[in-house]
Amino acid sequence: MSKLQREELLDFITYNEQREALRPRYMESKRVRRIQHGEALTFLFENRDTVYYQVQEMMRIEQIVRESDILHELQTYNELIGGPGELGCTLLIGIDSEARRDEKLGAWMDLLDHLYMVLEDGSRIGATWDPRQVGETRLSSVQYLKFDTGGQVPVAIGTDFEDALLQGETPLNEDQRTALASDLAATRAN
């Protein structure tokens, strides 16, 4: 899947004027790529549409006009797109209680080592991640992951982490598998 290019972006004023017409497409793209695992983990698989939406929203919200700042946002979010045979993913760790969230983010320091996708043949593919997002005493509640599936479409996502709140597998529905298959096909095209 090719990275998003600068010339594809609208200035924040033009984007804001067109936002209501554009938004349904990007919300649908995010919806079919969002996988809830248990109560605390949300996996959002990224592609060009989701990255485009994120960059445009950041430019709109922060009213970014300086070219170097736009390029920085573009570079940052383009890193979320998977390379050949890979799926890029944003993991959101959501726990409502701030005290409980702080406790769990400290206790779950090794969580990332226990995340995996299940392929059609039953094999498991572990996640890779950016080590800059793991502190010395706790995880960040947002993690950027990659799953190198070798181009195979996953059928489930799971974790074998010791905390019962997180254990188990979540099957991907047909819409999710179709969306991820499309994203993997796009990585082969480039």
N, C-alpha and C. Protein backbone atom coordinates (compact mmCIF):
# COMPACT_ATOMS: atom_id res chain seq x y z
N MET A 1 0.86 -1.17 0.00
CA MET A 1 0.00 0.00 0.00
C MET A 1 0.90 1.22 0.00
N SER A 2 0.67 2.10 -0.93
CA SER A 2 1.51 3.29 -1.01
C SER A 2 1.15 4.27 0.11
N LYS A 3 2.13 5.04 0.48
CA LYS A 3 1.94 6.05 1.51
C LYS A 3 1.15 7.22 0.95
N LEU A 4 0.50 7.92 1.82
CA LEU A 4 -0.25 9.11 1.45
C LEU A 4 0.74 10.20 1.03
N GLN A 5 0.43 10.94 -0.01
CA GLN A 5 1.32 11.98 -0.53
C GLN A 5 0.79 13.36 -0.17
N ARG A 6 1.67 14.31 -0.06
CA ARG A 6 1.32 15.67 0.34
C ARG A 6 0.27 16.27 -0.58
N GLU A 7 0.40 16.03 -1.89
CA GLU A 7 -0.53 16.66 -2.83
C GLU A 7 -1.96 16.13 -2.72
N GLU A 8 -2.16 15.06 -1.99
CA GLU A 8 -3.50 14.51 -1.79
C GLU A 8 -4.27 15.25 -0.69
N LEU A 9 -3.57 15.99 0.13
CA LEU A 9 -4.19 16.67 1.26
C LEU A 9 -4.79 18.01 0.87
N LEU A 10 -5.90 18.33 1.49
CA LEU A 10 -6.54 19.62 1.32
C LEU A 10 -6.08 20.57 2.43
N ASP A 11 -6.09 21.86 2.15
CA ASP A 11 -5.83 22.79 3.24
C ASP A 11 -6.99 22.67 4.24
N PHE A 12 -6.76 23.05 5.48
CA PHE A 12 -7.77 22.79 6.51
C PHE A 12 -9.08 23.51 6.27
N ILE A 13 -9.06 24.66 5.62
CA ILE A 13 -10.30 25.38 5.35
C ILE A 13 -11.13 24.64 4.30
N THR A 14 -10.50 24.24 3.21
CA THR A 14 -11.20 23.49 2.17
C THR A 14 -11.71 22.17 2.72
N TYR A 15 -10.87 21.48 3.50
CA TYR A 15 -11.30 20.22 4.12
C TYR A 15 -12.52 20.44 5.01
N ASN A 16 -12.48 21.48 5.82
CA ASN A 16 -13.60 21.77 6.72
C ASN A 16 -14.88 22.03 5.94
N GLU A 17 -14.77 22.70 4.79
CA GLU A 17 -15.94 22.96 3.95
C GLU A 17 -16.51 21.67 3.36
N GLN A 18 -15.66 20.69 3.08
CA GLN A 18 -16.07 19.44 2.45
C GLN A 18 -16.24 18.29 3.45
N ARG A 19 -15.95 18.54 4.70
CA ARG A 19 -15.86 17.50 5.72
C ARG A 19 -17.13 16.66 5.84
N GLU A 20 -18.28 17.27 5.89
CA GLU A 20 -19.52 16.51 6.06
C GLU A 20 -19.77 15.55 4.91
N ALA A 21 -19.40 15.95 3.70
CA ALA A 21 -19.57 15.07 2.54
C ALA A 21 -18.52 13.95 2.53
N LEU A 22 -17.31 14.24 3.00
CA LEU A 22 -16.22 13.26 2.99
C LEU A 22 -16.28 12.27 4.17
N ARG A 23 -16.76 12.74 5.28
CA ARG A 23 -16.68 11.99 6.54
C ARG A 23 -17.30 10.59 6.49
N PRO A 24 -18.48 10.37 5.88
CA PRO A 24 -19.06 9.02 5.90
C PRO A 24 -18.14 7.93 5.32
N ARG A 25 -17.43 8.27 4.25
CA ARG A 25 -16.50 7.29 3.65
C ARG A 25 -15.43 6.88 4.66
N TYR A 26 -14.85 7.85 5.34
CA TYR A 26 -13.76 7.57 6.26
C TYR A 26 -14.25 6.89 7.53
N MET A 27 -15.43 7.24 7.97
CA MET A 27 -16.01 6.58 9.15
C MET A 27 -16.30 5.11 8.85
N GLU A 28 -16.78 4.82 7.66
CA GLU A 28 -17.03 3.43 7.27
C GLU A 28 -15.72 2.65 7.17
N SER A 29 -14.70 3.28 6.63
CA SER A 29 -13.40 2.63 6.54
C SER A 29 -12.87 2.28 7.93
N LYS A 30 -13.05 3.19 8.87
CA LYS A 30 -12.62 2.92 10.25
C LYS A 30 -13.50 1.86 10.91
N ARG A 31 -14.80 1.92 10.67
CA ARG A 31 -15.73 0.99 11.31
C ARG A 31 -15.38 -0.47 11.00
N VAL A 32 -15.15 -0.78 9.74
CA VAL A 32 -14.89 -2.17 9.38
C VAL A 32 -13.50 -2.63 9.79
N ARG A 33 -12.64 -1.71 10.16
CA ARG A 33 -11.28 -2.06 10.58
C ARG A 33 -11.11 -1.98 12.10
N ARG A 34 -12.18 -1.72 12.82
CA ARG A 34 -12.13 -1.62 14.29
C ARG A 34 -12.56 -2.97 14.88
N ILE A 35 -11.68 -3.53 15.71
CA ILE A 35 -11.95 -4.82 16.33
C ILE A 35 -11.82 -4.66 17.84
N GLN A 36 -12.91 -4.90 18.53
CA GLN A 36 -12.92 -4.81 19.99
C GLN A 36 -12.57 -6.18 20.56
N HIS A 37 -11.56 -6.23 21.41
CA HIS A 37 -11.16 -7.46 22.08
C HIS A 37 -11.37 -7.27 23.58
N GLY A 38 -12.37 -7.96 24.11
CA GLY A 38 -12.69 -7.79 25.51
C GLY A 38 -13.17 -6.37 25.78
N GLU A 39 -13.06 -5.98 27.03
CA GLU A 39 -13.53 -4.65 27.41
C GLU A 39 -12.47 -3.57 27.23
N ALA A 40 -11.20 -3.96 27.19
CA ALA A 40 -10.14 -2.96 27.29
C ALA A 40 -9.35 -2.69 26.02
N LEU A 41 -9.39 -3.58 25.04
CA LEU A 41 -8.52 -3.43 23.87
C LEU A 41 -9.34 -3.18 22.60
N THR A 42 -8.98 -2.12 21.89
CA THR A 42 -9.57 -1.84 20.59
C THR A 42 -8.44 -1.76 19.58
N PHE A 43 -8.51 -2.60 18.56
CA PHE A 43 -7.54 -2.61 17.48
C PHE A 43 -8.16 -1.88 16.29
N LEU A 44 -7.50 -0.84 15.81
CA LEU A 44 -7.96 -0.12 14.62
C LEU A 44 -6.90 -0.31 13.54
N PHE A 45 -7.23 -1.12 12.53
CA PHE A 45 -6.30 -1.36 11.44
C PHE A 45 -6.32 -0.18 10.49
N GLU A 46 -5.13 0.23 10.11
CA GLU A 46 -4.96 1.47 9.35
C GLU A 46 -4.75 1.19 7.86
N ASN A 47 -5.25 2.10 7.04
CA ASN A 47 -4.98 2.08 5.62
C ASN A 47 -4.91 3.54 5.14
N ARG A 48 -4.85 3.74 3.84
CA ARG A 48 -4.73 5.10 3.32
C ARG A 48 -5.91 5.98 3.73
N ASP A 49 -7.12 5.43 3.73
CA ASP A 49 -8.29 6.22 4.11
C ASP A 49 -8.23 6.65 5.57
N THR A 50 -7.88 5.73 6.46
CA THR A 50 -7.86 6.08 7.88
C THR A 50 -6.75 7.09 8.17
N VAL A 51 -5.62 6.93 7.48
CA VAL A 51 -4.51 7.87 7.67
C VAL A 51 -4.88 9.24 7.08
N TYR A 52 -5.49 9.26 5.91
CA TYR A 52 -5.93 10.52 5.32
C TYR A 52 -6.85 11.26 6.30
N TYR A 53 -7.82 10.56 6.82
CA TYR A 53 -8.77 11.17 7.75
C TYR A 53 -8.06 11.73 8.98
N GLN A 54 -7.14 10.95 9.55
CA GLN A 54 -6.42 11.41 10.75
C GLN A 54 -5.60 12.66 10.47
N VAL A 55 -4.87 12.66 9.35
CA VAL A 55 -4.05 13.83 9.02
C VAL A 55 -4.93 15.05 8.79
N GLN A 56 -6.00 14.88 8.01
CA GLN A 56 -6.89 16.02 7.74
C GLN A 56 -7.55 16.53 9.01
N GLU A 57 -7.94 15.63 9.90
CA GLU A 57 -8.55 16.05 11.16
C GLU A 57 -7.55 16.80 12.03
N MET A 58 -6.31 16.34 12.08
CA MET A 58 -5.29 17.04 12.86
C MET A 58 -5.05 18.43 12.28
N MET A 59 -4.98 18.52 10.95
CA MET A 59 -4.78 19.82 10.32
C MET A 59 -5.96 20.75 10.61
N ARG A 60 -7.17 20.20 10.60
CA ARG A 60 -8.37 21.00 10.85
C ARG A 60 -8.42 21.47 12.30
N ILE A 61 -8.25 20.55 13.23
CA ILE A 61 -8.37 20.86 14.66
C ILE A 61 -7.28 21.85 15.10
N GLU A 62 -6.06 21.58 14.64
CA GLU A 62 -4.94 22.43 15.06
C GLU A 62 -4.68 23.58 14.09
N GLN A 63 -5.50 23.68 13.05
CA GLN A 63 -5.36 24.72 12.02
C GLN A 63 -3.91 24.82 11.52
N ILE A 64 -3.41 23.68 11.11
CA ILE A 64 -2.02 23.60 10.66
C ILE A 64 -1.91 24.14 9.23
N VAL A 65 -1.01 25.10 9.05
CA VAL A 65 -0.78 25.68 7.72
C VAL A 65 0.70 25.65 7.32
N ARG A 66 1.58 25.61 8.30
CA ARG A 66 3.01 25.60 8.00
C ARG A 66 3.37 24.28 7.32
N GLU A 67 4.04 24.38 6.18
CA GLU A 67 4.35 23.19 5.39
C GLU A 67 5.14 22.15 6.18
N SER A 68 6.10 22.56 6.96
CA SER A 68 6.90 21.61 7.74
C SER A 68 6.04 20.87 8.75
N ASP A 69 5.04 21.53 9.31
CA ASP A 69 4.14 20.89 10.26
C ASP A 69 3.22 19.89 9.56
N ILE A 70 2.76 20.25 8.37
CA ILE A 70 1.92 19.32 7.59
C ILE A 70 2.73 18.08 7.24
N LEU A 71 3.96 18.28 6.79
CA LEU A 71 4.81 17.14 6.44
C LEU A 71 5.12 16.26 7.64
N HIS A 72 5.25 16.88 8.80
CA HIS A 72 5.48 16.10 10.03
C HIS A 72 4.27 15.22 10.33
N GLU A 73 3.07 15.77 10.25
CA GLU A 73 1.85 14.98 10.49
C GLU A 73 1.76 13.84 9.48
N LEU A 74 2.03 14.16 8.24
CA LEU A 74 1.96 13.16 7.17
C LEU A 74 2.95 12.02 7.42
N GLN A 75 4.17 12.36 7.77
CA GLN A 75 5.19 11.35 8.06
C GLN A 75 4.79 10.50 9.26
N THR A 76 4.31 11.13 10.31
CA THR A 76 3.91 10.43 11.53
C THR A 76 2.82 9.41 11.24
N TYR A 77 1.77 9.84 10.56
CA TYR A 77 0.64 8.94 10.31
C TYR A 77 0.93 7.92 9.21
N ASN A 78 1.77 8.26 8.25
CA ASN A 78 2.14 7.29 7.22
C ASN A 78 2.85 6.08 7.82
N GLU A 79 3.52 6.27 8.96
CA GLU A 79 4.19 5.14 9.63
C GLU A 79 3.21 4.07 10.07
N LEU A 80 1.92 4.41 10.17
CA LEU A 80 0.91 3.45 10.61
C LEU A 80 0.50 2.47 9.51
N ILE A 81 0.80 2.83 8.26
CA ILE A 81 0.41 1.97 7.14
C ILE A 81 1.38 0.80 7.05
N GLY A 82 0.84 -0.41 6.91
CA GLY A 82 1.67 -1.60 6.80
C GLY A 82 2.45 -1.64 5.50
N GLY A 83 3.60 -2.30 5.55
CA GLY A 83 4.41 -2.51 4.36
C GLY A 83 3.93 -3.77 3.64
N PRO A 84 4.70 -4.27 2.68
CA PRO A 84 4.30 -5.47 1.95
C PRO A 84 3.99 -6.65 2.87
N GLY A 85 2.77 -7.20 2.76
CA GLY A 85 2.36 -8.34 3.57
C GLY A 85 2.03 -8.02 5.01
N GLU A 86 2.03 -6.74 5.36
CA GLU A 86 1.82 -6.31 6.74
C GLU A 86 0.51 -5.57 6.92
N LEU A 87 -0.01 -5.67 8.12
CA LEU A 87 -1.15 -4.86 8.54
C LEU A 87 -0.68 -3.92 9.64
N GLY A 88 -0.90 -2.63 9.46
CA GLY A 88 -0.60 -1.64 10.49
C GLY A 88 -1.82 -1.43 11.35
N CYS A 89 -1.60 -1.16 12.62
CA CYS A 89 -2.71 -1.13 13.56
C CYS A 89 -2.42 -0.14 14.69
N THR A 90 -3.46 0.56 15.12
CA THR A 90 -3.39 1.36 16.34
C THR A 90 -4.14 0.60 17.42
N LEU A 91 -3.48 0.32 18.52
CA LEU A 91 -4.11 -0.35 19.66
C LEU A 91 -4.46 0.71 20.68
N LEU A 92 -5.73 0.75 21.05
CA LEU A 92 -6.20 1.68 22.08
C LEU A 92 -6.55 0.87 23.32
N ILE A 93 -5.92 1.20 24.43
CA ILE A 93 -6.21 0.53 25.69
C ILE A 93 -7.15 1.45 26.46
N GLY A 94 -8.40 1.01 26.59
CA GLY A 94 -9.42 1.86 27.17
C GLY A 94 -9.97 1.33 28.48
N ILE A 95 -9.70 2.04 29.55
CA ILE A 95 -10.23 1.72 30.87
C ILE A 95 -10.75 3.03 31.44
N ASP A 96 -12.04 3.05 31.78
CA ASP A 96 -12.68 4.31 32.19
C ASP A 96 -12.09 4.93 33.45
N SER A 97 -11.86 4.13 34.47
CA SER A 97 -11.36 4.65 35.73
C SER A 97 -9.88 5.02 35.60
N GLU A 98 -9.55 6.28 35.87
CA GLU A 98 -8.17 6.73 35.73
C GLU A 98 -7.23 5.95 36.66
N ALA A 99 -7.64 5.72 37.89
CA ALA A 99 -6.80 4.99 38.84
C ALA A 99 -6.58 3.55 38.36
N ARG A 100 -7.65 2.91 37.91
CA ARG A 100 -7.54 1.52 37.42
C ARG A 100 -6.71 1.48 36.14
N ARG A 101 -6.88 2.47 35.26
CA ARG A 101 -6.10 2.53 34.02
C ARG A 101 -4.61 2.65 34.35
N ASP A 102 -4.24 3.53 35.27
CA ASP A 102 -2.84 3.69 35.65
C ASP A 102 -2.28 2.39 36.21
N GLU A 103 -3.08 1.72 37.04
CA GLU A 103 -2.65 0.44 37.62
C GLU A 103 -2.41 -0.60 36.53
N LYS A 104 -3.37 -0.74 35.60
CA LYS A 104 -3.27 -1.75 34.55
C LYS A 104 -2.14 -1.44 33.57
N LEU A 105 -1.96 -0.18 33.19
CA LEU A 105 -0.89 0.17 32.27
C LEU A 105 0.48 -0.14 32.87
N GLY A 106 0.58 -0.08 34.18
CA GLY A 106 1.81 -0.50 34.84
C GLY A 106 1.94 -2.01 34.91
N ALA A 107 0.85 -2.69 35.19
CA ALA A 107 0.87 -4.15 35.33
C ALA A 107 0.97 -4.85 33.97
N TRP A 108 0.59 -4.18 32.90
CA TRP A 108 0.56 -4.81 31.58
C TRP A 108 1.79 -4.47 30.73
N MET A 109 2.91 -4.20 31.36
CA MET A 109 4.12 -3.82 30.62
C MET A 109 4.50 -4.83 29.54
N ASP A 110 4.22 -6.12 29.75
CA ASP A 110 4.59 -7.16 28.80
C ASP A 110 3.47 -7.53 27.83
N LEU A 111 2.37 -6.79 27.85
CA LEU A 111 1.22 -7.11 27.01
C LEU A 111 1.58 -7.25 25.53
N LEU A 112 2.38 -6.36 25.03
CA LEU A 112 2.66 -6.34 23.59
C LEU A 112 3.31 -7.64 23.11
N ASP A 113 4.06 -8.30 24.00
CA ASP A 113 4.67 -9.59 23.67
C ASP A 113 3.63 -10.70 23.52
N HIS A 114 2.41 -10.45 23.94
CA HIS A 114 1.38 -11.49 23.98
C HIS A 114 0.23 -11.26 22.99
N LEU A 115 0.36 -10.27 22.13
CA LEU A 115 -0.67 -10.00 21.13
C LEU A 115 -0.37 -10.80 19.87
N TYR A 116 -1.42 -11.30 19.23
CA TYR A 116 -1.21 -12.08 18.00
C TYR A 116 -2.44 -12.04 17.11
N MET A 117 -2.22 -12.37 15.85
CA MET A 117 -3.31 -12.60 14.89
C MET A 117 -3.27 -14.07 14.53
N VAL A 118 -4.44 -14.64 14.29
CA VAL A 118 -4.55 -16.04 13.88
C VAL A 118 -4.84 -16.05 12.38
N LEU A 119 -4.04 -16.84 11.64
CA LEU A 119 -4.25 -16.98 10.21
C LEU A 119 -5.15 -18.18 9.93
N GLU A 120 -5.59 -18.31 8.68
CA GLU A 120 -6.53 -19.38 8.32
C GLU A 120 -6.01 -20.76 8.66
N ASP A 121 -4.69 -20.97 8.59
CA ASP A 121 -4.12 -22.29 8.89
C ASP A 121 -3.94 -22.53 10.40
N GLY A 122 -4.39 -21.56 11.22
CA GLY A 122 -4.29 -21.70 12.67
C GLY A 122 -3.00 -21.15 13.26
N SER A 123 -2.05 -20.75 12.42
CA SER A 123 -0.79 -20.22 12.95
C SER A 123 -1.02 -18.83 13.54
N ARG A 124 -0.15 -18.47 14.46
CA ARG A 124 -0.22 -17.18 15.13
C ARG A 124 0.94 -16.30 14.69
N ILE A 125 0.62 -15.04 14.45
CA ILE A 125 1.63 -14.04 14.08
C ILE A 125 1.65 -12.99 15.19
N GLY A 126 2.79 -12.84 15.83
CA GLY A 126 2.91 -11.84 16.89
C GLY A 126 3.04 -10.43 16.34
N ALA A 127 2.77 -9.48 17.20
CA ALA A 127 2.86 -8.06 16.83
C ALA A 127 4.28 -7.56 16.99
N THR A 128 4.63 -6.58 16.17
CA THR A 128 5.83 -5.78 16.41
C THR A 128 5.33 -4.37 16.72
N TRP A 129 6.17 -3.59 17.39
CA TRP A 129 5.73 -2.27 17.84
C TRP A 129 6.91 -1.34 17.98
N ASP A 130 6.59 -0.09 18.20
CA ASP A 130 7.58 0.95 18.38
C ASP A 130 7.98 0.98 19.86
N PRO A 131 9.20 0.61 20.19
CA PRO A 131 9.62 0.58 21.60
C PRO A 131 9.59 1.94 22.29
N ARG A 132 9.55 3.01 21.50
CA ARG A 132 9.49 4.36 22.10
C ARG A 132 8.17 4.57 22.85
N GLN A 133 7.17 3.73 22.59
CA GLN A 133 5.87 3.90 23.22
C GLN A 133 5.74 3.15 24.54
N VAL A 134 6.79 2.46 24.92
CA VAL A 134 6.77 1.72 26.18
C VAL A 134 7.70 2.43 27.15
N GLY A 135 7.13 2.92 28.24
CA GLY A 135 7.93 3.61 29.24
C GLY A 135 8.65 2.62 30.14
N GLU A 136 9.32 3.15 31.13
CA GLU A 136 10.04 2.29 32.06
C GLU A 136 9.12 1.69 33.11
N THR A 137 7.99 2.34 33.37
CA THR A 137 7.10 1.85 34.43
C THR A 137 5.69 1.55 33.95
N ARG A 138 5.38 1.90 32.69
CA ARG A 138 4.02 1.65 32.20
C ARG A 138 3.97 1.76 30.68
N LEU A 139 2.92 1.18 30.14
CA LEU A 139 2.62 1.31 28.71
C LEU A 139 1.91 2.62 28.44
N SER A 140 2.00 3.07 27.22
CA SER A 140 1.13 4.15 26.78
C SER A 140 -0.22 3.52 26.45
N SER A 141 -1.29 4.26 26.61
CA SER A 141 -2.63 3.72 26.31
C SER A 141 -2.90 3.66 24.81
N VAL A 142 -1.99 4.19 24.00
CA VAL A 142 -2.07 4.08 22.54
C VAL A 142 -0.77 3.46 22.06
N GLN A 143 -0.89 2.37 21.30
CA GLN A 143 0.27 1.67 20.77
C GLN A 143 0.12 1.52 19.27
N TYR A 144 1.24 1.58 18.56
CA TYR A 144 1.24 1.39 17.11
C TYR A 144 1.90 0.05 16.82
N LEU A 145 1.15 -0.83 16.19
CA LEU A 145 1.57 -2.21 15.96
C LEU A 145 1.65 -2.53 14.48
N LYS A 146 2.40 -3.57 14.17
CA LYS A 146 2.40 -4.16 12.83
C LYS A 146 2.29 -5.67 13.01
N PHE A 147 1.56 -6.28 12.09
CA PHE A 147 1.44 -7.73 12.03
C PHE A 147 1.87 -8.15 10.64
N ASP A 148 2.98 -8.86 10.54
CA ASP A 148 3.47 -9.34 9.25
C ASP A 148 2.83 -10.70 8.96
N THR A 149 1.73 -10.66 8.24
CA THR A 149 0.97 -11.88 7.94
C THR A 149 1.47 -12.57 6.69
N GLY A 150 2.50 -12.01 6.05
CA GLY A 150 2.97 -12.57 4.79
C GLY A 150 1.91 -12.46 3.70
N GLY A 151 0.99 -11.55 3.87
CA GLY A 151 -0.08 -11.36 2.90
C GLY A 151 -1.30 -12.22 3.14
N GLN A 152 -1.26 -13.08 4.15
CA GLN A 152 -2.41 -13.93 4.46
C GLN A 152 -3.42 -13.13 5.29
N VAL A 153 -4.69 -13.39 5.04
CA VAL A 153 -5.75 -12.67 5.74
C VAL A 153 -5.99 -13.33 7.10
N PRO A 154 -5.95 -12.56 8.18
CA PRO A 154 -6.20 -13.14 9.50
C PRO A 154 -7.68 -13.46 9.70
N VAL A 155 -7.93 -14.39 10.63
CA VAL A 155 -9.31 -14.77 10.95
C VAL A 155 -9.68 -14.40 12.38
N ALA A 156 -8.68 -14.07 13.21
CA ALA A 156 -8.95 -13.70 14.60
C ALA A 156 -7.77 -12.89 15.13
N ILE A 157 -8.03 -12.19 16.23
CA ILE A 157 -6.98 -11.48 16.95
C ILE A 157 -7.10 -11.89 18.40
N GLY A 158 -5.97 -11.97 19.09
CA GLY A 158 -6.04 -12.42 20.47
C GLY A 158 -4.82 -12.08 21.28
N THR A 159 -4.88 -12.53 22.51
CA THR A 159 -3.76 -12.37 23.44
C THR A 159 -3.75 -13.54 24.40
N ASP A 160 -2.55 -13.98 24.74
CA ASP A 160 -2.39 -15.02 25.75
C ASP A 160 -1.78 -14.43 27.02
N PHE A 161 -2.01 -13.15 27.23
CA PHE A 161 -1.50 -12.46 28.42
C PHE A 161 -2.18 -13.03 29.66
N GLU A 162 -1.47 -13.02 30.78
CA GLU A 162 -1.96 -13.69 32.00
C GLU A 162 -3.21 -13.07 32.62
N ASP A 163 -3.51 -11.83 32.34
CA ASP A 163 -4.68 -11.17 32.93
C ASP A 163 -5.95 -11.67 32.24
N ALA A 164 -6.88 -12.22 33.02
CA ALA A 164 -8.12 -12.79 32.49
C ALA A 164 -8.94 -11.75 31.73
N LEU A 165 -8.77 -10.49 32.04
CA LEU A 165 -9.49 -9.41 31.35
C LEU A 165 -9.13 -9.37 29.86
N LEU A 166 -7.95 -9.88 29.52
CA LEU A 166 -7.44 -9.76 28.15
C LEU A 166 -7.38 -11.08 27.39
N GLN A 167 -7.37 -12.21 28.06
CA GLN A 167 -7.13 -13.50 27.41
C GLN A 167 -8.21 -13.87 26.41
N GLY A 168 -7.79 -14.66 25.43
CA GLY A 168 -8.73 -15.21 24.47
C GLY A 168 -8.54 -14.63 23.08
N GLU A 169 -9.44 -15.04 22.20
CA GLU A 169 -9.38 -14.61 20.81
C GLU A 169 -10.73 -14.03 20.40
N THR A 170 -10.67 -13.05 19.52
CA THR A 170 -11.86 -12.44 18.95
C THR A 170 -11.86 -12.75 17.45
N PRO A 171 -12.85 -13.51 16.99
CA PRO A 171 -12.92 -13.80 15.55
C PRO A 171 -13.23 -12.53 14.76
N LEU A 172 -12.66 -12.43 13.57
CA LEU A 172 -12.96 -11.32 12.68
C LEU A 172 -14.20 -11.69 11.86
N ASN A 173 -15.11 -10.74 11.71
CA ASN A 173 -16.30 -11.03 10.91
C ASN A 173 -15.96 -10.89 9.42
N GLU A 174 -16.91 -11.21 8.58
CA GLU A 174 -16.67 -11.21 7.14
C GLU A 174 -16.27 -9.82 6.63
N ASP A 175 -16.94 -8.78 7.10
CA ASP A 175 -16.59 -7.41 6.67
C ASP A 175 -15.16 -7.06 7.07
N GLN A 176 -14.76 -7.44 8.26
CA GLN A 176 -13.40 -7.14 8.73
C GLN A 176 -12.37 -7.89 7.89
N ARG A 177 -12.63 -9.18 7.63
CA ARG A 177 -11.69 -9.97 6.83
C ARG A 177 -11.58 -9.41 5.40
N THR A 178 -12.72 -8.99 4.84
CA THR A 178 -12.73 -8.42 3.49
C THR A 178 -11.92 -7.12 3.45
N ALA A 179 -12.10 -6.26 4.45
CA ALA A 179 -11.37 -4.99 4.51
C ALA A 179 -9.86 -5.24 4.64
N LEU A 180 -9.48 -6.16 5.51
CA LEU A 180 -8.05 -6.44 5.70
C LEU A 180 -7.46 -7.13 4.47
N ALA A 181 -8.25 -7.97 3.80
CA ALA A 181 -7.79 -8.60 2.55
C ALA A 181 -7.51 -7.53 1.51
N SER A 182 -8.38 -6.53 1.42
CA SER A 182 -8.18 -5.42 0.49
C SER A 182 -6.90 -4.65 0.82
N ASP A 183 -6.68 -4.40 2.11
CA ASP A 183 -5.47 -3.68 2.52
C ASP A 183 -4.22 -4.49 2.20
N LEU A 184 -4.26 -5.80 2.42
CA LEU A 184 -3.10 -6.65 2.11
C LEU A 184 -2.86 -6.70 0.61
N ALA A 185 -3.93 -6.75 -0.18
CA ALA A 185 -3.78 -6.74 -1.64
C ALA A 185 -3.12 -5.44 -2.09
N ALA A 186 -3.46 -4.33 -1.45
CA ALA A 186 -2.86 -3.05 -1.80
C ALA A 186 -1.38 -3.02 -1.47
N THR A 187 -0.94 -3.78 -0.45
CA THR A 187 0.50 -3.81 -0.13
C THR A 187 1.26 -4.58 -1.20
N ARG A 188 0.60 -5.53 -1.87
CA ARG A 188 1.26 -6.29 -2.95
C ARG A 188 1.34 -5.46 -4.23
N ALA A 189 0.42 -4.52 -4.39
CA ALA A 189 0.37 -3.72 -5.62
C ALA A 189 1.49 -2.70 -5.69
N ASN A 190 2.13 -2.42 -4.57
CA ASN A 190 3.18 -1.40 -4.57
C ASN A 190 4.52 -1.95 -4.21
